[in-house]
Amino acid sequence: MAIVKWSPSTLSPTRSPFAEFDTLRREIDRVFNTFWPFSSSDVASNESRWTPRVDCMEKDDEYLLHTELPGMKLDDIHIQFHEGMLTIRGERKLEHEAHNGYDHRERAYGAFSRSFMIGPAAEADQISATYKDGILEIHVPKTAAKPKRIMVQAA
């Protein structure tokens, strides 16, 4: 029995028009990681670089970020806010199994870091985060400072 990679474009007549771009992006990432690795220790290991996807939304009173971190433990996720920059760091570790004879492996492992410039409009003391079902949700409240109208008086 052979393991064949499933592709949604081969089975679904109503696929997303952007699916091919996602496939192209993954292939380009694979090529760059193959020819220009950042360190020799990564080449020796079977770990691949990965970057979790993040959805960012600005609301009237807060910034909201949703990050996909499937299979990660809470202890492996770190969030920092410093000088207007929100940074999410972590590491998804390779699961060591007794049977190491994979025919095909696509899940990526390793360390990651994502940074987002929020700016001075954030209430740093009120930032909160929750992690449930592989989704990290970060709430960054905006400062309550409103523009002040200055009245012009006749001289």
Protein backbone atom coordinates (compact mmCIF):
# COMPACT_ATOMS: atom_id res chain seq x y z
CA MET A 1 0.00 0.00 0.00
CA ALA A 2 1.37 3.41 -0.97
CA ILE A 3 0.70 6.66 0.87
CA VAL A 4 -0.52 9.31 -1.53
CA LYS A 5 -0.66 12.99 -0.63
CA TRP A 6 -4.24 14.23 -0.73
CA SER A 7 -4.85 17.47 -2.57
CA PRO A 8 -8.13 19.40 -2.29
CA SER A 9 -7.77 20.61 -5.88
CA THR A 10 -8.12 17.07 -7.21
CA LEU A 11 -11.37 16.27 -5.43
CA SER A 12 -13.27 19.49 -4.87
CA PRO A 13 -14.88 21.27 -7.84
CA THR A 14 -15.50 24.36 -5.66
CA ARG A 15 -11.98 24.97 -4.38
CA SER A 16 -10.66 28.32 -3.31
CA PRO A 17 -9.12 30.44 -6.08
CA PHE A 18 -6.21 31.16 -3.71
CA ALA A 19 -5.36 27.51 -3.03
CA GLU A 20 -2.70 27.47 -5.74
CA PHE A 21 -1.00 30.54 -4.21
CA ASP A 22 -0.83 28.77 -0.84
CA THR A 23 0.75 25.73 -2.50
CA LEU A 24 3.24 27.98 -4.32
CA ARG A 25 4.16 29.78 -1.07
CA ARG A 26 4.83 26.47 0.71
CA GLU A 27 6.97 25.24 -2.18
CA ILE A 28 9.01 28.45 -2.27
CA ASP A 29 9.53 28.23 1.51
CA ARG A 30 10.70 24.63 1.13
CA VAL A 31 13.21 25.56 -1.58
CA PHE A 32 14.67 28.47 0.40
CA ASN A 33 14.92 26.38 3.57
CA THR A 34 16.68 23.64 1.62
CA PHE A 35 19.34 25.83 0.00
CA TRP A 36 19.82 28.57 2.61
CA PRO A 37 19.33 27.16 6.09
CA PHE A 38 19.99 29.53 8.96
CA SER A 39 22.15 27.14 10.92
CA SER A 40 23.95 23.87 10.34
CA SER A 41 22.23 22.21 13.30
CA ASP A 42 18.89 22.59 11.54
CA VAL A 43 20.24 20.82 8.46
CA ALA A 44 21.34 17.84 10.51
CA SER A 45 17.96 17.47 12.14
CA ASN A 46 14.69 16.63 10.43
CA GLU A 47 12.97 19.64 11.91
CA SER A 48 11.53 22.18 9.51
CA ARG A 49 10.94 25.83 10.06
CA TRP A 50 7.37 26.84 10.48
CA THR A 51 5.54 30.06 10.98
CA PRO A 52 2.14 29.87 12.60
CA ARG A 53 -0.60 31.80 10.88
CA VAL A 54 -2.00 34.85 12.65
CA ASP A 55 -5.23 36.76 12.05
CA CYS A 56 -5.10 40.38 13.28
CA MET A 57 -8.18 42.51 13.76
CA GLU A 58 -8.57 46.08 14.93
CA LYS A 59 -11.78 46.89 16.79
CA ASP A 60 -12.92 50.19 18.29
CA ASP A 61 -11.58 49.36 21.74
CA GLU A 62 -8.93 46.66 21.17
CA TYR A 63 -6.63 44.75 18.84
CA LEU A 64 -7.41 41.04 18.57
CA LEU A 65 -4.96 38.38 17.37
CA HIS A 66 -5.75 34.72 16.71
CA THR A 67 -2.75 32.42 16.23
CA GLU A 68 -2.87 28.79 15.10
CA LEU A 69 -0.65 26.71 17.43
CA PRO A 70 -1.96 23.14 17.13
CA GLY A 71 -0.32 20.53 19.30
CA MET A 72 1.58 23.01 21.46
CA LYS A 73 1.72 23.04 25.25
CA LEU A 74 1.08 26.21 27.25
CA ASP A 75 4.59 26.09 28.70
CA ASP A 76 6.04 26.35 25.18
CA ILE A 77 4.23 29.62 24.31
CA HIS A 78 5.67 33.01 25.35
CA ILE A 79 4.17 36.46 24.73
CA GLN A 80 5.99 39.74 25.36
CA PHE A 81 5.00 43.39 24.88
CA HIS A 82 7.86 45.90 24.88
CA GLU A 83 7.98 49.43 23.48
CA GLY A 84 4.88 48.96 21.34
CA MET A 85 5.98 45.58 19.90
CA LEU A 86 3.97 42.42 20.63
CA THR A 87 6.06 39.27 20.18
CA ILE A 88 4.79 35.68 20.21
CA ARG A 89 7.49 33.00 20.57
CA GLY A 90 7.33 29.30 21.00
CA GLU A 91 8.52 25.90 20.01
CA ARG A 92 6.66 22.87 18.77
CA LYS A 93 8.74 19.83 19.60
CA LEU A 94 9.13 16.74 17.43
CA GLU A 95 7.24 13.78 18.81
CA HIS A 96 9.60 10.82 19.10
CA GLU A 97 7.80 7.62 18.30
CA ALA A 98 8.98 4.02 18.43
CA HIS A 99 8.36 3.57 14.69
CA ASN A 100 10.50 6.06 12.78
CA GLY A 101 9.89 4.69 9.27
CA TYR A 102 7.66 7.41 7.87
CA ASP A 103 6.86 7.31 4.18
CA HIS A 104 5.87 10.99 4.16
CA ARG A 105 6.02 13.73 6.81
CA GLU A 106 4.47 17.20 6.41
CA ARG A 107 4.02 18.49 9.94
CA ALA A 108 6.62 21.11 10.77
CA TYR A 109 8.39 21.46 14.11
CA GLY A 110 10.80 23.86 15.69
CA ALA A 111 11.00 27.34 17.16
CA PHE A 112 9.14 30.37 15.83
CA SER A 113 8.84 34.07 16.56
CA ARG A 114 6.21 36.50 15.27
CA SER A 115 6.28 40.23 16.07
CA PHE A 116 3.62 42.89 15.51
CA MET A 117 4.03 46.65 15.95
CA ILE A 118 1.03 47.76 17.97
CA GLY A 119 2.40 51.17 18.88
CA PRO A 120 1.77 53.38 21.88
CA ALA A 121 -2.03 53.02 21.60
CA ALA A 122 -2.01 49.81 23.69
CA GLU A 123 -2.75 49.34 27.38
CA ALA A 124 0.23 47.09 28.18
CA ASP A 125 -1.03 46.26 31.70
CA GLN A 126 -4.38 45.03 30.36
CA ILE A 127 -3.17 42.61 27.63
CA SER A 128 -4.67 39.15 28.07
CA ALA A 129 -4.32 35.83 26.27
CA THR A 130 -6.17 32.52 26.23
CA TYR A 131 -5.28 29.22 24.59
CA LYS A 132 -7.96 26.69 23.66
CA ASP A 133 -8.17 23.96 21.02
CA GLY A 134 -4.88 24.99 19.41
CA ILE A 135 -5.85 28.66 19.00
CA LEU A 136 -4.05 31.40 20.93
CA GLU A 137 -6.26 34.48 21.33
CA ILE A 138 -4.62 37.74 22.42
CA HIS A 139 -6.61 40.84 23.42
CA VAL A 140 -4.69 44.13 23.37
CA PRO A 141 -6.92 46.93 24.72
CA LYS A 142 -6.42 50.38 23.22
CA THR A 143 -5.68 53.34 25.42
CA ALA A 144 -8.67 55.38 26.47
CA ALA A 145 -7.05 58.61 25.31
CA LYS A 146 -9.43 60.44 23.00
CA PRO A 147 -8.52 63.40 20.82
CA LYS A 148 -9.09 66.65 22.67
CA ARG A 149 -10.75 69.48 20.83
CA ILE A 150 -9.06 72.85 21.37
CA MET A 151 -11.34 75.84 21.19
CA VAL A 152 -9.98 78.82 19.31
CA GLN A 153 -10.76 82.17 20.94
CA ALA A 154 -10.71 85.56 19.33
CA ALA A 155 -7.78 87.68 20.47
